[in-house]
Amino acid sequence: MTNKKMYLFIIIGFLAIGLQTTHSAKPVNAFTEQVIQHGAVGEDVIELQARLQYLGFYNGDIDGVFGWSTYWALRNFQYEFGIEIDGLAGSETKEKLAAASEFNREFVKNQIRQGNDFTHYGGVDNEKQSESSPDNNNDANNNNANNNNNNTANDNADDNAGAEATAVNVPQGYSQNDIQLMANAVNGEARGEPYVGQVAVAAVILNRVESSTFPNSVSGVIFEPRAFTAVADGQIWLTPDETSREAVLDAINGWDPSGNAQYYFNPNTATSDWIWSRPQIKKIGKHIFAK
């Protein structure tokens, strides 16, 4: 064999190795390579909890401890995203999480270091997700009290001036923007249903906000992935009528025709076996309300 042929074979060999490396499995650009499972602790678990919370599946503390609440949140994520439901964060699960969510590592780590109460939901400004711990910052409590007084004054001023609704909290704990968004959701989900059915849909949204297994804000509940058909098909953005708003206000004031339900579905169109497995409470109009 001539020297030229020998060099040619060597070059081809290196090229083959390079091509094999290039086309190997693409590494996850988040997490480490370890499989994260129940009982694990550390940085990977913090990222796992933060990403699950970003998507609305996890509502506990982001503390880096893989407990049972993290385990069930992960299983729910796997169910919704069509992954093998095993409660293990392997490569496929981590890839899906990384693709579907965002993780602001600096924000999350800073909140943990400062001992703050915080959340990490998608679509919410970080400034609105963090709250100083009372033990760490008494001055913050005083500032918050002053801010609340200012907010109340602003509410009254806006009401007197007939101003457009703002995000300042109303006494019931829900902002005018919350009420408007819920009215949009009720209109999109229950338009044409009897009034009591519209109130029941609004009550389900509020029941989810109050539950530890759902996001703790109206926007978080409504825009949780695959939670409401009106979000998926765009009907959430149709202009609601006054009836939808009245239904929301009745629900906020304590009327819950759903029987404290957290789910509802139309039996004529529902295709999920899981929703049929929920304990049913009652039927109002076309919707079945369930626990």
C-alpha atoms as a PDB file:
ATOM      1  CA  MET A   1       0.000   0.000   0.000  1.00  0.00           C
ATOM      2  CA  THR A   2       1.407   3.379  -0.974  1.00  0.00           C
ATOM      3  CA  ASN A   3       1.787   6.187   1.527  1.00  0.00           C
ATOM      4  CA  LYS A   4      -0.935   8.197  -0.235  1.00  0.00           C
ATOM      5  CA  LYS A   5      -3.453   5.349   0.130  1.00  0.00           C
ATOM      6  CA  MET A   6      -2.525   4.878   3.779  1.00  0.00           C
ATOM      7  CA  TYR A   7      -3.085   8.574   4.498  1.00  0.00           C
ATOM      8  CA  LEU A   8      -6.394   8.411   2.627  1.00  0.00           C
ATOM      9  CA  PHE A   9      -7.654   5.532   4.787  1.00  0.00           C
ATOM     10  CA  ILE A  10      -6.580   7.346   7.958  1.00  0.00           C
ATOM     11  CA  ILE A  11      -8.430  10.508   6.921  1.00  0.00           C
ATOM     12  CA  ILE A  12     -11.587   8.522   6.054  1.00  0.00           C
ATOM     13  CA  GLY A  13     -11.378   6.817   9.452  1.00  0.00           C
ATOM     14  CA  PHE A  14     -11.215  10.130  11.282  1.00  0.00           C
ATOM     15  CA  LEU A  15     -14.104  11.487   9.232  1.00  0.00           C
ATOM     16  CA  ALA A  16     -16.239   8.458  10.095  1.00  0.00           C
ATOM     17  CA  ILE A  17     -15.521   8.923  13.801  1.00  0.00           C
ATOM     18  CA  GLY A  18     -16.387  12.604  13.522  1.00  0.00           C
ATOM     19  CA  LEU A  19     -19.684  11.884  11.764  1.00  0.00           C
ATOM     20  CA  GLN A  20     -20.619   9.295  14.363  1.00  0.00           C
ATOM     21  CA  THR A  21     -19.971  11.781  17.153  1.00  0.00           C
ATOM     22  CA  THR A  22     -21.929  14.518  15.388  1.00  0.00           C
ATOM     23  CA  HIS A  23     -25.019  12.339  14.971  1.00  0.00           C
ATOM     24  CA  SER A  24     -25.032  10.864  18.454  1.00  0.00           C
ATOM     25  CA  ALA A  25     -27.880  11.711  20.816  1.00  0.00           C
ATOM     26  CA  LYS A  26     -28.201  15.414  21.366  1.00  0.00           C
ATOM     27  CA  PRO A  27     -27.385  16.256  24.991  1.00  0.00           C
ATOM     28  CA  VAL A  28     -29.899  18.104  27.127  1.00  0.00           C
ATOM     29  CA  ASN A  29     -28.794  21.709  27.560  1.00  0.00           C
ATOM     30  CA  ALA A  30     -30.430  21.777  30.973  1.00  0.00           C
ATOM     31  CA  PHE A  31     -29.898  19.665  34.082  1.00  0.00           C
ATOM     32  CA  THR A  32     -26.994  17.234  34.398  1.00  0.00           C
ATOM     33  CA  GLU A  33     -26.943  13.716  32.969  1.00  0.00           C
ATOM     34  CA  GLN A  34     -28.220  12.046  36.130  1.00  0.00           C
ATOM     35  CA  VAL A  35     -31.702  10.548  36.308  1.00  0.00           C
ATOM     36  CA  ILE A  36     -33.545  12.560  38.949  1.00  0.00           C
ATOM     37  CA  GLN A  37     -35.775  10.519  41.216  1.00  0.00           C
ATOM     38  CA  HIS A  38     -37.636  10.624  44.512  1.00  0.00           C
ATOM     39  CA  GLY A  39     -35.272  11.284  47.402  1.00  0.00           C
ATOM     40  CA  ALA A  40     -32.755  13.234  45.300  1.00  0.00           C
ATOM     41  CA  VAL A  41     -31.539  16.651  46.427  1.00  0.00           C
ATOM     42  CA  GLY A  42     -29.526  19.455  44.876  1.00  0.00           C
ATOM     43  CA  GLU A  43     -29.298  21.731  41.848  1.00  0.00           C
ATOM     44  CA  ASP A  44     -31.054  19.386  39.416  1.00  0.00           C
ATOM     45  CA  VAL A  45     -34.056  19.107  41.721  1.00  0.00           C
ATOM     46  CA  ILE A  46     -34.239  22.899  42.032  1.00  0.00           C
ATOM     47  CA  GLU A  47     -34.346  23.173  38.250  1.00  0.00           C
ATOM     48  CA  LEU A  48     -36.889  20.351  38.011  1.00  0.00           C
ATOM     49  CA  GLN A  49     -39.198  22.008  40.542  1.00  0.00           C
ATOM     50  CA  ALA A  50     -38.789  25.430  38.930  1.00  0.00           C
ATOM     51  CA  ARG A  51     -39.609  24.143  35.437  1.00  0.00           C
ATOM     52  CA  LEU A  52     -42.603  22.138  36.686  1.00  0.00           C
ATOM     53  CA  GLN A  53     -43.833  25.215  38.530  1.00  0.00           C
ATOM     54  CA  TYR A  54     -43.270  27.390  35.447  1.00  0.00           C
ATOM     55  CA  LEU A  55     -45.720  25.121  33.597  1.00  0.00           C
ATOM     56  CA  GLY A  56     -48.201  24.999  36.484  1.00  0.00           C
ATOM     57  CA  PHE A  57     -47.683  21.377  37.524  1.00  0.00           C
ATOM     58  CA  TYR A  58     -45.864  22.058  40.811  1.00  0.00           C
ATOM     59  CA  ASN A  59     -47.075  24.389  43.537  1.00  0.00           C
ATOM     60  CA  GLY A  60     -44.766  23.566  46.450  1.00  0.00           C
ATOM     61  CA  ASP A  61     -41.572  25.224  47.632  1.00  0.00           C
ATOM     62  CA  ILE A  62     -38.586  25.224  45.315  1.00  0.00           C
ATOM     63  CA  ASP A  63     -36.192  23.767  47.869  1.00  0.00           C
ATOM     64  CA  GLY A  64     -34.119  21.209  45.969  1.00  0.00           C
ATOM     65  CA  VAL A  65     -35.683  18.237  47.778  1.00  0.00           C
ATOM     66  CA  PHE A  66     -37.450  15.669  45.578  1.00  0.00           C
ATOM     67  CA  GLY A  67     -40.404  14.832  47.807  1.00  0.00           C
ATOM     68  CA  TRP A  68     -43.796  13.366  47.021  1.00  0.00           C
ATOM     69  CA  SER A  69     -45.306  16.646  45.800  1.00  0.00           C
ATOM     70  CA  THR A  70     -42.492  16.921  43.246  1.00  0.00           C
ATOM     71  CA  TYR A  71     -42.969  13.265  42.322  1.00  0.00           C
ATOM     72  CA  TRP A  72     -46.685  13.637  41.582  1.00  0.00           C
ATOM     73  CA  ALA A  73     -46.148  16.903  39.737  1.00  0.00           C
ATOM     74  CA  LEU A  74     -43.602  15.150  37.532  1.00  0.00           C
ATOM     75  CA  ARG A  75     -45.964  12.248  36.860  1.00  0.00           C
ATOM     76  CA  ASN A  76     -48.730  14.691  35.889  1.00  0.00           C
ATOM     77  CA  PHE A  77     -46.326  16.431  33.516  1.00  0.00           C
ATOM     78  CA  GLN A  78     -45.384  13.080  31.960  1.00  0.00           C
ATOM     79  CA  TYR A  79     -49.054  12.188  31.548  1.00  0.00           C
ATOM     80  CA  GLU A  80     -49.912  15.478  29.858  1.00  0.00           C
ATOM     81  CA  PHE A  81     -46.887  15.365  27.539  1.00  0.00           C
ATOM     82  CA  GLY A  82     -47.265  11.728  26.487  1.00  0.00           C
ATOM     83  CA  ILE A  83     -44.124  10.449  28.203  1.00  0.00           C
ATOM     84  CA  GLU A  84     -43.785   7.159  30.081  1.00  0.00           C
ATOM     85  CA  ILE A  85     -45.293   7.844  33.510  1.00  0.00           C
ATOM     86  CA  ASP A  86     -42.625   6.639  35.931  1.00  0.00           C
ATOM     87  CA  GLY A  87     -41.898   9.656  38.157  1.00  0.00           C
ATOM     88  CA  LEU A  88     -38.284   9.671  36.967  1.00  0.00           C
ATOM     89  CA  ALA A  89     -36.689  12.641  35.226  1.00  0.00           C
ATOM     90  CA  GLY A  90     -34.632  10.864  32.586  1.00  0.00           C
ATOM     91  CA  SER A  91     -33.322  12.241  29.315  1.00  0.00           C
ATOM     92  CA  GLU A  92     -36.668  12.314  27.456  1.00  0.00           C
ATOM     93  CA  THR A  93     -38.515  13.964  30.331  1.00  0.00           C
ATOM     94  CA  LYS A  94     -35.759  16.543  30.799  1.00  0.00           C
ATOM     95  CA  GLU A  95     -35.717  17.340  27.081  1.00  0.00           C
ATOM     96  CA  LYS A  96     -39.491  17.875  27.103  1.00  0.00           C
ATOM     97  CA  LEU A  97     -39.264  20.056  30.201  1.00  0.00           C
ATOM     98  CA  ALA A  98     -36.456  22.143  28.744  1.00  0.00           C
ATOM     99  CA  ALA A  99     -38.355  22.640  25.487  1.00  0.00           C
ATOM    100  CA  ALA A 100     -41.659  23.558  27.135  1.00  0.00           C
ATOM    101  CA  SER A 101     -40.433  25.849  29.912  1.00  0.00           C
ATOM    102  CA  GLU A 102     -37.918  28.488  30.839  1.00  0.00           C
ATOM    103  CA  PHE A 103     -35.633  28.472  33.876  1.00  0.00           C
ATOM    104  CA  ASN A 104     -34.211  31.705  35.232  1.00  0.00           C
ATOM    105  CA  ARG A 105     -31.440  30.166  37.291  1.00  0.00           C
ATOM    106  CA  GLU A 106     -30.161  33.458  38.701  1.00  0.00           C
ATOM    107  CA  PHE A 107     -33.621  34.578  39.822  1.00  0.00           C
ATOM    108  CA  VAL A 108     -34.440  31.276  41.508  1.00  0.00           C
ATOM    109  CA  LYS A 109     -31.086  30.944  43.260  1.00  0.00           C
ATOM    110  CA  ASN A 110     -31.206  34.550  44.489  1.00  0.00           C
ATOM    111  CA  GLN A 111     -34.651  34.006  46.000  1.00  0.00           C
ATOM    112  CA  ILE A 112     -33.468  30.857  47.772  1.00  0.00           C
ATOM    113  CA  ARG A 113     -30.327  32.557  49.102  1.00  0.00           C
ATOM    114  CA  GLN A 114     -32.380  35.474  50.437  1.00  0.00           C
ATOM    115  CA  GLY A 115     -34.916  33.166  52.072  1.00  0.00           C
ATOM    116  CA  ASN A 116     -37.795  34.716  50.144  1.00  0.00           C
ATOM    117  CA  ASP A 117     -41.223  33.271  49.492  1.00  0.00           C
ATOM    118  CA  PHE A 118     -41.497  33.108  45.717  1.00  0.00           C
ATOM    119  CA  THR A 119     -42.954  31.343  42.726  1.00  0.00           C
ATOM    120  CA  HIS A 120     -41.600  30.728  39.239  1.00  0.00           C
ATOM    121  CA  TYR A 121     -44.650  30.650  36.978  1.00  0.00           C
ATOM    122  CA  GLY A 122     -44.443  31.408  33.296  1.00  0.00           C
ATOM    123  CA  GLY A 123     -45.947  34.602  31.975  1.00  0.00           C
ATOM    124  CA  VAL A 124     -45.633  36.473  35.280  1.00  0.00           C
ATOM    125  CA  ASP A 125     -43.027  39.192  35.885  1.00  0.00           C
ATOM    126  CA  ASN A 126     -40.383  38.075  38.373  1.00  0.00           C
ATOM    127  CA  GLU A 127     -40.933  41.217  40.446  1.00  0.00           C
ATOM    128  CA  LYS A 128     -44.496  40.057  41.121  1.00  0.00           C
ATOM    129  CA  GLN A 129     -43.425  36.547  42.125  1.00  0.00           C
ATOM    130  CA  SER A 130     -41.099  37.350  45.007  1.00  0.00           C
ATOM    131  CA  GLU A 131     -41.919  38.317  48.559  1.00  0.00           C
ATOM    132  CA  SER A 132     -39.385  38.892  51.336  1.00  0.00           C
ATOM    133  CA  SER A 133     -39.616  36.552  54.291  1.00  0.00           C
ATOM    134  CA  PRO A 134     -41.173  38.274  57.349  1.00  0.00           C
ATOM    135  CA  ASP A 135     -38.315  37.002  59.496  1.00  0.00           C
ATOM    136  CA  ASN A 136     -35.733  38.571  57.226  1.00  0.00           C
ATOM    137  CA  ASN A 137     -37.204  41.972  56.532  1.00  0.00           C
ATOM    138  CA  ASN A 138     -39.676  43.675  58.844  1.00  0.00           C
ATOM    139  CA  ASP A 139     -39.277  46.892  56.909  1.00  0.00           C
ATOM    140  CA  ALA A 140     -40.668  45.105  53.858  1.00  0.00           C
ATOM    141  CA  ASN A 141     -43.868  44.402  55.778  1.00  0.00           C
ATOM    142  CA  ASN A 142     -44.240  48.073  56.612  1.00  0.00           C
ATOM    143  CA  ASN A 143     -43.633  48.973  52.988  1.00  0.00           C
ATOM    144  CA  ASN A 144     -46.170  46.417  51.862  1.00  0.00           C
ATOM    145  CA  ALA A 145     -48.733  47.848  54.287  1.00  0.00           C
ATOM    146  CA  ASN A 146     -48.126  51.331  52.943  1.00  0.00           C
ATOM    147  CA  ASN A 147     -48.385  50.027  49.396  1.00  0.00           C
ATOM    148  CA  ASN A 148     -51.677  48.332  50.203  1.00  0.00           C
ATOM    149  CA  ASN A 149     -53.051  51.593  51.567  1.00  0.00           C
ATOM    150  CA  ASN A 150     -51.876  53.382  48.456  1.00  0.00           C
ATOM    151  CA  ASN A 151     -53.431  50.687  46.281  1.00  0.00           C
ATOM    152  CA  THR A 152     -56.773  51.080  48.059  1.00  0.00           C
ATOM    153  CA  ALA A 153     -56.615  54.817  47.546  1.00  0.00           C
ATOM    154  CA  ASN A 154     -55.790  54.269  43.902  1.00  0.00           C
ATOM    155  CA  ASP A 155     -58.737  51.899  43.568  1.00  0.00           C
ATOM    156  CA  ASN A 156     -61.085  54.504  45.011  1.00  0.00           C
ATOM    157  CA  ALA A 157     -59.640  57.202  42.794  1.00  0.00           C
ATOM    158  CA  ASP A 158     -60.024  55.006  39.719  1.00  0.00           C
ATOM    159  CA  ASP A 159     -63.603  54.133  40.643  1.00  0.00           C
ATOM    160  CA  ASN A 160     -64.510  57.762  41.173  1.00  0.00           C
ATOM    161  CA  ALA A 161     -62.890  58.796  37.927  1.00  0.00           C
ATOM    162  CA  GLY A 162     -64.436  55.959  35.940  1.00  0.00           C
ATOM    163  CA  ALA A 163     -60.937  54.901  34.897  1.00  0.00           C
ATOM    164  CA  GLU A 164     -60.175  51.726  33.010  1.00  0.00           C
ATOM    165  CA  ALA A 165     -59.608  48.623  35.198  1.00  0.00           C
ATOM    166  CA  THR A 166     -56.102  48.257  36.614  1.00  0.00           C
ATOM    167  CA  ALA A 167     -54.146  45.422  38.194  1.00  0.00           C
ATOM    168  CA  VAL A 168     -54.490  46.897  41.711  1.00  0.00           C
ATOM    169  CA  ASN A 169     -56.025  44.346  44.081  1.00  0.00           C
ATOM    170  CA  VAL A 170     -59.647  44.766  45.069  1.00  0.00           C
ATOM    171  CA  PRO A 171     -60.786  43.936  48.640  1.00  0.00           C
ATOM    172  CA  GLN A 172     -61.771  40.351  47.749  1.00  0.00           C
ATOM    173  CA  GLY A 173     -58.184  39.695  46.740  1.00  0.00           C
ATOM    174  CA  TYR A 174     -58.848  39.630  42.998  1.00  0.00           C
ATOM    175  CA  SER A 175     -57.807  42.434  40.689  1.00  0.00           C
ATOM    176  CA  GLN A 176     -59.981  44.014  38.041  1.00  0.00           C
ATOM    177  CA  ASN A 177     -57.743  42.300  35.512  1.00  0.00           C
ATOM    178  CA  ASP A 178     -58.439  38.967  37.236  1.00  0.00           C
ATOM    179  CA  ILE A 179     -62.180  39.613  36.972  1.00  0.00           C
ATOM    180  CA  GLN A 180     -61.901  40.558  33.313  1.00  0.00           C
ATOM    181  CA  LEU A 181     -59.801  37.491  32.489  1.00  0.00           C
ATOM    182  CA  MET A 182     -62.240  35.209  34.305  1.00  0.00           C
ATOM    183  CA  ALA A 183     -65.151  36.807  32.440  1.00  0.00           C
ATOM    184  CA  ASN A 184     -63.335  36.062  29.180  1.00  0.00           C
ATOM    185  CA  ALA A 185     -62.832  32.458  30.281  1.00  0.00           C
ATOM    186  CA  VAL A 186     -66.460  32.018  31.356  1.00  0.00           C
ATOM    187  CA  ASN A 187     -67.635  33.482  28.054  1.00  0.00           C
ATOM    188  CA  GLY A 188     -65.349  31.198  26.065  1.00  0.00           C
ATOM    189  CA  GLU A 189     -66.113  28.068  28.080  1.00  0.00           C
ATOM    190  CA  ALA A 190     -69.794  28.449  28.988  1.00  0.00           C
ATOM    191  CA  ARG A 191     -71.366  30.847  26.508  1.00  0.00           C
ATOM    192  CA  GLY A 192     -74.928  29.630  25.918  1.00  0.00           C
ATOM    193  CA  GLU A 193     -75.018  27.675  29.180  1.00  0.00           C
ATOM    194  CA  PRO A 194     -77.607  28.546  31.864  1.00  0.00           C
ATOM    195  CA  TYR A 195     -76.495  31.319  34.203  1.00  0.00           C
ATOM    196  CA  VAL A 196     -75.943  28.904  37.080  1.00  0.00           C
ATOM    197  CA  GLY A 197     -73.617  26.929  34.815  1.00  0.00           C
ATOM    198  CA  GLN A 198     -71.591  30.043  34.052  1.00  0.00           C
ATOM    199  CA  VAL A 199     -71.234  30.777  37.769  1.00  0.00           C
ATOM    200  CA  ALA A 200     -70.155  27.167  38.293  1.00  0.00           C
ATOM    201  CA  VAL A 201     -67.375  27.519  35.692  1.00  0.00           C
ATOM    202  CA  ALA A 202     -66.151  30.677  37.423  1.00  0.00           C
ATOM    203  CA  ALA A 203     -66.270  28.839  40.751  1.00  0.00           C
ATOM    204  CA  VAL A 204     -64.094  26.037  39.360  1.00  0.00           C
ATOM    205  CA  ILE A 205     -61.446  28.593  38.413  1.00  0.00           C
ATOM    206  CA  LEU A 206     -61.538  30.053  41.940  1.00  0.00           C
ATOM    207  CA  ASN A 207     -61.442  26.584  43.509  1.00  0.00           C
ATOM    208  CA  ARG A 208     -58.290  25.845  41.552  1.00  0.00           C
ATOM    209  CA  VAL A 209     -56.679  29.111  42.644  1.00  0.00           C
ATOM    210  CA  GLU A 210     -57.380  28.168  46.266  1.00  0.00           C
ATOM    211  CA  SER A 211     -56.073  24.610  45.829  1.00  0.00           C
ATOM    212  CA  SER A 212     -52.427  23.752  46.508  1.00  0.00           C
ATOM    213  CA  THR A 213     -52.345  21.489  43.456  1.00  0.00           C
ATOM    214  CA  PHE A 214     -52.926  24.304  40.951  1.00  0.00           C
ATOM    215  CA  PRO A 215     -51.260  27.654  40.240  1.00  0.00           C
ATOM    216  CA  ASN A 216     -52.084  30.256  42.886  1.00  0.00           C
ATOM    217  CA  SER A 217     -53.234  32.992  40.525  1.00  0.00           C
ATOM    218  CA  VAL A 218     -56.147  33.442  38.147  1.00  0.00           C
ATOM    219  CA  SER A 219     -53.872  33.834  35.131  1.00  0.00           C
ATOM    220  CA  GLY A 220     -51.807  30.824  36.187  1.00  0.00           C
ATOM    221  CA  VAL A 221     -54.911  28.635  36.426  1.00  0.00           C
ATOM    222  CA  ILE A 222     -56.487  29.806  33.181  1.00  0.00           C
ATOM    223  CA  PHE A 223     -53.314  29.599  31.104  1.00  0.00           C
ATOM    224  CA  GLU A 224     -52.103  26.312  32.582  1.00  0.00           C
ATOM    225  CA  PRO A 225     -51.267  24.093  29.590  1.00  0.00           C
ATOM    226  CA  ARG A 226     -54.296  22.193  28.238  1.00  0.00           C
ATOM    227  CA  ALA A 227     -56.485  23.310  31.136  1.00  0.00           C
ATOM    228  CA  PHE A 228     -59.220  25.155  29.210  1.00  0.00           C
ATOM    229  CA  THR A 229     -60.510  24.632  25.692  1.00  0.00           C
ATOM    230  CA  ALA A 230     -61.203  28.354  25.280  1.00  0.00           C
ATOM    231  CA  VAL A 231     -57.489  29.073  25.610  1.00  0.00           C
ATOM    232  CA  ALA A 232     -56.566  26.383  23.093  1.00  0.00           C
ATOM    233  CA  ASP A 233     -59.052  27.508  20.440  1.00  0.00           C
ATOM    234  CA  GLY A 234     -58.700  31.253  21.040  1.00  0.00           C
ATOM    235  CA  GLN A 235     -62.220  31.891  22.332  1.00  0.00           C
ATOM    236  CA  ILE A 236     -60.675  33.278  25.509  1.00  0.00           C
ATOM    237  CA  TRP A 237     -60.147  36.523  23.575  1.00  0.00           C
ATOM    238  CA  LEU A 238     -63.762  37.008  22.501  1.00  0.00           C
ATOM    239  CA  THR A 239     -65.405  40.012  24.134  1.00  0.00           C
ATOM    240  CA  PRO A 240     -67.566  38.737  26.997  1.00  0.00           C
ATOM    241  CA  ASP A 241     -71.035  40.061  27.712  1.00  0.00           C
ATOM    242  CA  GLU A 242     -72.104  41.515  31.048  1.00  0.00           C
ATOM    243  CA  THR A 243     -73.609  38.182  32.107  1.00  0.00           C
ATOM    244  CA  SER A 244     -70.171  36.566  32.171  1.00  0.00           C
ATOM    245  CA  ARG A 245     -68.839  39.308  34.426  1.00  0.00           C
ATOM    246  CA  GLU A 246     -71.853  39.018  36.744  1.00  0.00           C
ATOM    247  CA  ALA A 247     -71.271  35.268  36.973  1.00  0.00           C
ATOM    248  CA  VAL A 248     -67.658  35.877  37.984  1.00  0.00           C
ATOM    249  CA  LEU A 249     -68.671  38.388  40.667  1.00  0.00           C
ATOM    250  CA  ASP A 250     -71.290  35.986  42.056  1.00  0.00           C
ATOM    251  CA  ALA A 251     -68.624  33.282  42.294  1.00  0.00           C
ATOM    252  CA  ILE A 252     -66.160  35.654  43.996  1.00  0.00           C
ATOM    253  CA  ASN A 253     -68.876  36.596  46.481  1.00  0.00           C
ATOM    254  CA  GLY A 254     -69.227  32.965  47.505  1.00  0.00           C
ATOM    255  CA  TRP A 255     -71.767  31.257  45.240  1.00  0.00           C
ATOM    256  CA  ASP A 256     -70.445  27.857  44.137  1.00  0.00           C
ATOM    257  CA  PRO A 257     -73.097  25.846  42.255  1.00  0.00           C
ATOM    258  CA  SER A 258     -70.391  23.365  41.224  1.00  0.00           C
ATOM    259  CA  GLY A 259     -70.230  21.788  44.681  1.00  0.00           C
ATOM    260  CA  ASN A 260     -66.568  22.740  45.165  1.00  0.00           C
ATOM    261  CA  ALA A 261     -65.562  21.102  41.892  1.00  0.00           C
ATOM    262  CA  GLN A 262     -62.094  21.523  40.401  1.00  0.00           C
ATOM    263  CA  TYR A 263     -62.900  20.023  37.000  1.00  0.00           C
ATOM    264  CA  TYR A 264     -65.725  20.031  34.492  1.00  0.00           C
ATOM    265  CA  PHE A 265     -66.195  18.557  31.026  1.00  0.00           C
ATOM    266  CA  ASN A 266     -68.706  18.121  28.277  1.00  0.00           C
ATOM    267  CA  PRO A 267     -69.539  14.387  28.088  1.00  0.00           C
ATOM    268  CA  ASN A 268     -70.445  14.733  24.415  1.00  0.00           C
ATOM    269  CA  THR A 269     -66.991  15.948  23.397  1.00  0.00           C
ATOM    270  CA  ALA A 270     -64.590  14.737  26.125  1.00  0.00           C
ATOM    271  CA  THR A 271     -61.982  12.299  24.774  1.00  0.00           C
ATOM    272  CA  SER A 272     -59.760  11.951  27.856  1.00  0.00           C
ATOM    273  CA  ASP A 273     -60.173   8.722  29.817  1.00  0.00           C
ATOM    274  CA  TRP A 274     -58.603  10.504  32.783  1.00  0.00           C
ATOM    275  CA  ILE A 275     -61.315  13.156  33.088  1.00  0.00           C
ATOM    276  CA  TRP A 276     -63.971  10.423  33.094  1.00  0.00           C
ATOM    277  CA  SER A 277     -62.177   8.839  36.063  1.00  0.00           C
ATOM    278  CA  ARG A 278     -62.711  11.914  38.269  1.00  0.00           C
ATOM    279  CA  PRO A 279     -65.457  11.594  40.923  1.00  0.00           C
ATOM    280  CA  GLN A 280     -68.502  13.336  39.474  1.00  0.00           C
ATOM    281  CA  ILE A 281     -70.511  15.807  41.552  1.00  0.00           C
ATOM    282  CA  LYS A 282     -73.354  17.013  39.331  1.00  0.00           C
ATOM    283  CA  LYS A 283     -74.372  18.015  35.833  1.00  0.00           C
ATOM    284  CA  ILE A 284     -75.320  21.608  35.004  1.00  0.00           C
ATOM    285  CA  GLY A 285     -76.350  22.301  31.437  1.00  0.00           C
ATOM    286  CA  LYS A 286     -73.938  20.444  29.163  1.00  0.00           C
ATOM    287  CA  HIS A 287     -71.134  20.228  31.734  1.00  0.00           C
ATOM    288  CA  ILE A 288     -70.385  17.544  34.281  1.00  0.00           C
ATOM    289  CA  PHE A 289     -68.570  18.939  37.344  1.00  0.00           C
ATOM    290  CA  ALA A 290     -66.116  16.712  39.145  1.00  0.00           C
ATOM    291  CA  LYS A 291     -63.564  16.587  41.960  1.00  0.00           C
END
